[in-house]
Amino acid sequence: MKKTIRDITGASIEVTDLDKAIEQCELCKDSPYKMPSGQTVGENYRHMLSQLEKMKQIK
């Protein structure tokens, strides 16, 4: 299954393994480190996680 999501900056990310992508987002969702865009890494992963969870519900 190949799906595409967007990160918090709008960049496109191809997802080839939904469960692994969800696992990675869960691990990083509390990261306090700032990205160049000004958001934290955790905010970015939570943003992507919400998209991945919707995909999993549809699946």
PDB file of N, CA and C in Angstrom:
ATOM      1  N   MET A   1       0.836  -1.181   0.000  1.00  0.00           N
ATOM      2  CA  MET A   1       0.000   0.000   0.000  1.00  0.00           C
ATOM      3  C   MET A   1       0.881   1.244   0.000  1.00  0.00           C
ATOM      4  N   LYS A   2       0.744   2.073  -0.995  1.00  0.00           N
ATOM      5  CA  LYS A   2       1.470   3.334  -1.053  1.00  0.00           C
ATOM      6  C   LYS A   2       0.461   4.460  -0.929  1.00  0.00           C
ATOM      7  N   LYS A   3       0.645   5.270   0.077  1.00  0.00           N
ATOM      8  CA  LYS A   3      -0.209   6.436   0.292  1.00  0.00           C
ATOM      9  C   LYS A   3       0.691   7.636   0.521  1.00  0.00           C
ATOM     10  N   THR A   4       0.134   8.812   0.369  1.00  0.00           N
ATOM     11  CA  THR A   4       0.891  10.033   0.587  1.00  0.00           C
ATOM     12  C   THR A   4       0.207  10.881   1.644  1.00  0.00           C
ATOM     13  N   ILE A   5       1.013  11.403   2.570  1.00  0.00           N
ATOM     14  CA  ILE A   5       0.527  12.349   3.568  1.00  0.00           C
ATOM     15  C   ILE A   5       1.371  13.612   3.443  1.00  0.00           C
ATOM     16  N   ARG A   6       1.011  14.626   4.203  1.00  0.00           N
ATOM     17  CA  ARG A   6       1.784  15.877   4.212  1.00  0.00           C
ATOM     18  C   ARG A   6       2.269  16.141   5.630  1.00  0.00           C
ATOM     19  N   ASP A   7       3.498  16.642   5.715  1.00  0.00           N
ATOM     20  CA  ASP A   7       3.965  17.045   7.038  1.00  0.00           C
ATOM     21  C   ASP A   7       3.417  18.432   7.351  1.00  0.00           C
ATOM     22  N   ILE A   8       3.756  18.971   8.492  1.00  0.00           N
ATOM     23  CA  ILE A   8       3.182  20.235   8.959  1.00  0.00           C
ATOM     24  C   ILE A   8       3.573  21.419   8.069  1.00  0.00           C
ATOM     25  N   THR A   9       4.660  21.257   7.305  1.00  0.00           N
ATOM     26  CA  THR A   9       5.093  22.332   6.410  1.00  0.00           C
ATOM     27  C   THR A   9       4.490  22.196   5.017  1.00  0.00           C
ATOM     28  N   GLY A  10       3.776  21.093   4.778  1.00  0.00           N
ATOM     29  CA  GLY A  10       3.159  20.871   3.476  1.00  0.00           C
ATOM     30  C   GLY A  10       3.945  19.950   2.572  1.00  0.00           C
ATOM     31  N   ALA A  11       5.110  19.507   3.021  1.00  0.00           N
ATOM     32  CA  ALA A  11       5.910  18.587   2.210  1.00  0.00           C
ATOM     33  C   ALA A  11       5.213  17.231   2.110  1.00  0.00           C
ATOM     34  N   SER A  12       5.307  16.628   0.944  1.00  0.00           N
ATOM     35  CA  SER A  12       4.673  15.344   0.676  1.00  0.00           C
ATOM     36  C   SER A  12       5.564  14.204   1.182  1.00  0.00           C
ATOM     37  N   ILE A  13       4.937  13.215   1.841  1.00  0.00           N
ATOM     38  CA  ILE A  13       5.661  12.060   2.364  1.00  0.00           C
ATOM     39  C   ILE A  13       4.943  10.801   1.898  1.00  0.00           C
ATOM     40  N   GLU A  14       5.684   9.901   1.269  1.00  0.00           N
ATOM     41  CA  GLU A  14       5.121   8.641   0.796  1.00  0.00           C
ATOM     42  C   GLU A  14       5.156   7.615   1.929  1.00  0.00           C
ATOM     43  N   VAL A  15       4.036   6.983   2.180  1.00  0.00           N
ATOM     44  CA  VAL A  15       3.918   5.976   3.232  1.00  0.00           C
ATOM     45  C   VAL A  15       3.801   4.612   2.557  1.00  0.00           C
ATOM     46  N   THR A  16       4.762   3.728   2.842  1.00  0.00           N
ATOM     47  CA  THR A  16       4.730   2.385   2.268  1.00  0.00           C
ATOM     48  C   THR A  16       4.339   1.341   3.298  1.00  0.00           C
ATOM     49  N   ASP A  17       4.516   1.641   4.592  1.00  0.00           N
ATOM     50  CA  ASP A  17       4.149   0.714   5.665  1.00  0.00           C
ATOM     51  C   ASP A  17       3.400   1.511   6.724  1.00  0.00           C
ATOM     52  N   LEU A  18       2.089   1.420   6.705  1.00  0.00           N
ATOM     53  CA  LEU A  18       1.235   2.216   7.579  1.00  0.00           C
ATOM     54  C   LEU A  18       1.524   1.966   9.052  1.00  0.00           C
ATOM     55  N   ASP A  19       1.636   0.709   9.448  1.00  0.00           N
ATOM     56  CA  ASP A  19       1.862   0.389  10.857  1.00  0.00           C
ATOM     57  C   ASP A  19       3.202   0.924  11.359  1.00  0.00           C
ATOM     58  N   LYS A  20       4.237   0.803  10.553  1.00  0.00           N
ATOM     59  CA  LYS A  20       5.564   1.326  10.939  1.00  0.00           C
ATOM     60  C   LYS A  20       5.546   2.850  11.014  1.00  0.00           C
ATOM     61  N   ALA A  21       4.835   3.490  10.103  1.00  0.00           N
ATOM     62  CA  ALA A  21       4.743   4.953  10.116  1.00  0.00           C
ATOM     63  C   ALA A  21       4.023   5.420  11.381  1.00  0.00           C
ATOM     64  N   ILE A  22       2.959   4.740  11.759  1.00  0.00           N
ATOM     65  CA  ILE A  22       2.232   5.078  12.990  1.00  0.00           C
ATOM     66  C   ILE A  22       3.136   4.883  14.196  1.00  0.00           C
ATOM     67  N   GLU A  23       3.869   3.784  14.223  1.00  0.00           N
ATOM     68  CA  GLU A  23       4.797   3.502  15.325  1.00  0.00           C
ATOM     69  C   GLU A  23       5.842   4.608  15.458  1.00  0.00           C
ATOM     70  N   GLN A  24       6.408   5.036  14.336  1.00  0.00           N
ATOM     71  CA  GLN A  24       7.418   6.091  14.348  1.00  0.00           C
ATOM     72  C   GLN A  24       6.837   7.401  14.868  1.00  0.00           C
ATOM     73  N   CYS A  25       5.636   7.742  14.426  1.00  0.00           N
ATOM     74  CA  CYS A  25       4.996   8.975  14.883  1.00  0.00           C
ATOM     75  C   CYS A  25       4.701   8.927  16.372  1.00  0.00           C
ATOM     76  N   GLU A  26       4.277   7.773  16.861  1.00  0.00           N
ATOM     77  CA  GLU A  26       4.009   7.609  18.297  1.00  0.00           C
ATOM     78  C   GLU A  26       5.282   7.845  19.112  1.00  0.00           C
ATOM     79  N   LEU A  27       6.407   7.345  18.614  1.00  0.00           N
ATOM     80  CA  LEU A  27       7.676   7.477  19.322  1.00  0.00           C
ATOM     81  C   LEU A  27       8.154   8.933  19.390  1.00  0.00           C
ATOM     82  N   CYS A  28       7.839   9.715  18.386  1.00  0.00           N
ATOM     83  CA  CYS A  28       8.394  11.071  18.278  1.00  0.00           C
ATOM     84  C   CYS A  28       7.403  12.190  18.574  1.00  0.00           C
ATOM     85  N   LYS A  29       6.160  11.865  18.890  1.00  0.00           N
ATOM     86  CA  LYS A  29       5.119  12.889  19.013  1.00  0.00           C
ATOM     87  C   LYS A  29       5.321  13.865  20.167  1.00  0.00           C
ATOM     88  N   ASP A  30       6.199  13.571  21.105  1.00  0.00           N
ATOM     89  CA  ASP A  30       6.438  14.467  22.235  1.00  0.00           C
ATOM     90  C   ASP A  30       7.772  15.208  22.137  1.00  0.00           C
ATOM     91  N   SER A  31       8.437  15.106  20.998  1.00  0.00           N
ATOM     92  CA  SER A  31       9.736  15.749  20.830  1.00  0.00           C
ATOM     93  C   SER A  31       9.609  17.275  20.918  1.00  0.00           C
ATOM     94  N   PRO A  32      10.423  17.900  21.783  1.00  0.00           N
ATOM     95  CA  PRO A  32      10.353  19.354  21.961  1.00  0.00           C
ATOM     96  C   PRO A  32      11.262  20.128  20.997  1.00  0.00           C
ATOM     97  N   TYR A  33      12.010  19.443  20.177  1.00  0.00           N
ATOM     98  CA  TYR A  33      12.986  20.113  19.325  1.00  0.00           C
ATOM     99  C   TYR A  33      12.311  20.920  18.226  1.00  0.00           C
ATOM    100  N   LYS A  34      12.829  22.116  18.003  1.00  0.00           N
ATOM    101  CA  LYS A  34      12.257  23.030  17.001  1.00  0.00           C
ATOM    102  C   LYS A  34      12.759  22.683  15.598  1.00  0.00           C
ATOM    103  N   MET A  35      11.865  22.805  14.650  1.00  0.00           N
ATOM    104  CA  MET A  35      12.209  22.650  13.242  1.00  0.00           C
ATOM    105  C   MET A  35      12.467  24.049  12.677  1.00  0.00           C
ATOM    106  N   PRO A  36      13.118  24.165  11.518  1.00  0.00           N
ATOM    107  CA  PRO A  36      13.342  25.474  10.908  1.00  0.00           C
ATOM    108  C   PRO A  36      12.038  26.261  10.692  1.00  0.00           C
ATOM    109  N   SER A  37      10.923  25.553  10.536  1.00  0.00           N
ATOM    110  CA  SER A  37       9.636  26.212  10.304  1.00  0.00           C
ATOM    111  C   SER A  37       9.079  26.885  11.563  1.00  0.00           C
ATOM    112  N   GLY A  38       9.664  26.557  12.727  1.00  0.00           N
ATOM    113  CA  GLY A  38       9.202  27.147  13.982  1.00  0.00           C
ATOM    114  C   GLY A  38       8.367  26.194  14.822  1.00  0.00           C
ATOM    115  N   GLN A  39       7.778  25.182  14.196  1.00  0.00           N
ATOM    116  CA  GLN A  39       7.035  24.181  14.964  1.00  0.00           C
ATOM    117  C   GLN A  39       8.013  23.183  15.580  1.00  0.00           C
ATOM    118  N   THR A  40       7.514  22.435  16.541  1.00  0.00           N
ATOM    119  CA  THR A  40       8.363  21.396  17.115  1.00  0.00           C
ATOM    120  C   THR A  40       8.241  20.119  16.286  1.00  0.00           C
ATOM    121  N   VAL A  41       9.230  19.257  16.438  1.00  0.00           N
ATOM    122  CA  VAL A  41       9.203  17.961  15.774  1.00  0.00           C
ATOM    123  C   VAL A  41       7.972  17.187  16.242  1.00  0.00           C
ATOM    124  N   GLY A  42       7.648  17.303  17.530  1.00  0.00           N
ATOM    125  CA  GLY A  42       6.473  16.627  18.071  1.00  0.00           C
ATOM    126  C   GLY A  42       5.183  17.091  17.427  1.00  0.00           C
ATOM    127  N   GLU A  43       5.047  18.388  17.217  1.00  0.00           N
ATOM    128  CA  GLU A  43       3.854  18.908  16.537  1.00  0.00           C
ATOM    129  C   GLU A  43       3.745  18.325  15.136  1.00  0.00           C
ATOM    130  N   ASN A  44       4.872  18.219  14.454  1.00  0.00           N
ATOM    131  CA  ASN A  44       4.894  17.669  13.111  1.00  0.00           C
ATOM    132  C   ASN A  44       4.437  16.204  13.117  1.00  0.00           C
ATOM    133  N   TYR A  45       4.990  15.424  14.044  1.00  0.00           N
ATOM    134  CA  TYR A  45       4.624  14.004  14.110  1.00  0.00           C
ATOM    135  C   TYR A  45       3.165  13.816  14.523  1.00  0.00           C
ATOM    136  N   ARG A  46       2.646  14.644  15.394  1.00  0.00           N
ATOM    137  CA  ARG A  46       1.224  14.545  15.771  1.00  0.00           C
ATOM    138  C   ARG A  46       0.343  14.888  14.574  1.00  0.00           C
ATOM    139  N   HIS A  47       0.765  15.869  13.786  1.00  0.00           N
ATOM    140  CA  HIS A  47       0.035  16.247  12.574  1.00  0.00           C
ATOM    141  C   HIS A  47      -0.018  15.064  11.597  1.00  0.00           C
ATOM    142  N   MET A  48       1.118  14.419  11.395  1.00  0.00           N
ATOM    143  CA  MET A  48       1.164  13.282  10.480  1.00  0.00           C
ATOM    144  C   MET A  48       0.413  12.083  11.052  1.00  0.00           C
ATOM    145  N   LEU A  49       0.509  11.891  12.368  1.00  0.00           N
ATOM    146  CA  LEU A  49      -0.167  10.773  13.017  1.00  0.00           C
ATOM    147  C   LEU A  49      -1.677  10.844  12.823  1.00  0.00           C
ATOM    148  N   SER A  50      -2.239  12.034  12.877  1.00  0.00           N
ATOM    149  CA  SER A  50      -3.689  12.154  12.690  1.00  0.00           C
ATOM    150  C   SER A  50      -4.090  11.695  11.281  1.00  0.00           C
ATOM    151  N   GLN A  51      -3.270  11.995  10.287  1.00  0.00           N
ATOM    152  CA  GLN A  51      -3.550  11.547   8.922  1.00  0.00           C
ATOM    153  C   GLN A  51      -3.418  10.029   8.801  1.00  0.00           C
ATOM    154  N   LEU A  52      -2.390   9.486   9.445  1.00  0.00           N
ATOM    155  CA  LEU A  52      -2.157   8.044   9.384  1.00  0.00           C
ATOM    156  C   LEU A  52      -3.277   7.269  10.079  1.00  0.00           C
ATOM    157  N   GLU A  53      -3.749   7.791  11.206  1.00  0.00           N
ATOM    158  CA  GLU A  53      -4.831   7.113  11.928  1.00  0.00           C
ATOM    159  C   GLU A  53      -6.116   7.110  11.103  1.00  0.00           C
ATOM    160  N   LYS A  54      -6.364   8.191  10.376  1.00  0.00           N
ATOM    161  CA  LYS A  54      -7.537   8.221   9.490  1.00  0.00           C
ATOM    162  C   LYS A  54      -7.403   7.174   8.391  1.00  0.00           C
ATOM    163  N   MET A  55      -6.197   7.028   7.841  1.00  0.00           N
ATOM    164  CA  MET A  55      -5.960   6.018   6.826  1.00  0.00           C
ATOM    165  C   MET A  55      -6.233   4.618   7.359  1.00  0.00           C
ATOM    166  N   LYS A  56      -5.783   4.389   8.591  1.00  0.00           N
ATOM    167  CA  LYS A  56      -5.951   3.067   9.191  1.00  0.00           C
ATOM    168  C   LYS A  56      -7.436   2.768   9.414  1.00  0.00           C
ATOM    169  N   GLN A  57      -8.227   3.760   9.797  1.00  0.00           N
ATOM    170  CA  GLN A  57      -9.665   3.555  10.001  1.00  0.00           C
ATOM    171  C   GLN A  57     -10.346   3.184   8.704  1.00  0.00           C
ATOM    172  N   ILE A  58      -9.925   3.801   7.607  1.00  0.00           N
ATOM    173  CA  ILE A  58     -10.511   3.535   6.295  1.00  0.00           C
ATOM    174  C   ILE A  58     -10.131   2.146   5.813  1.00  0.00           C
ATOM    175  N   LYS A  59      -8.915   1.722   6.131  1.00  0.00           N
ATOM    176  CA  LYS A  59      -8.376   0.430   5.707  1.00  0.00           C
ATOM    177  C   LYS A  59      -9.154  -0.693   6.233  1.00  0.00           C
TER     178      LYS A  59
END
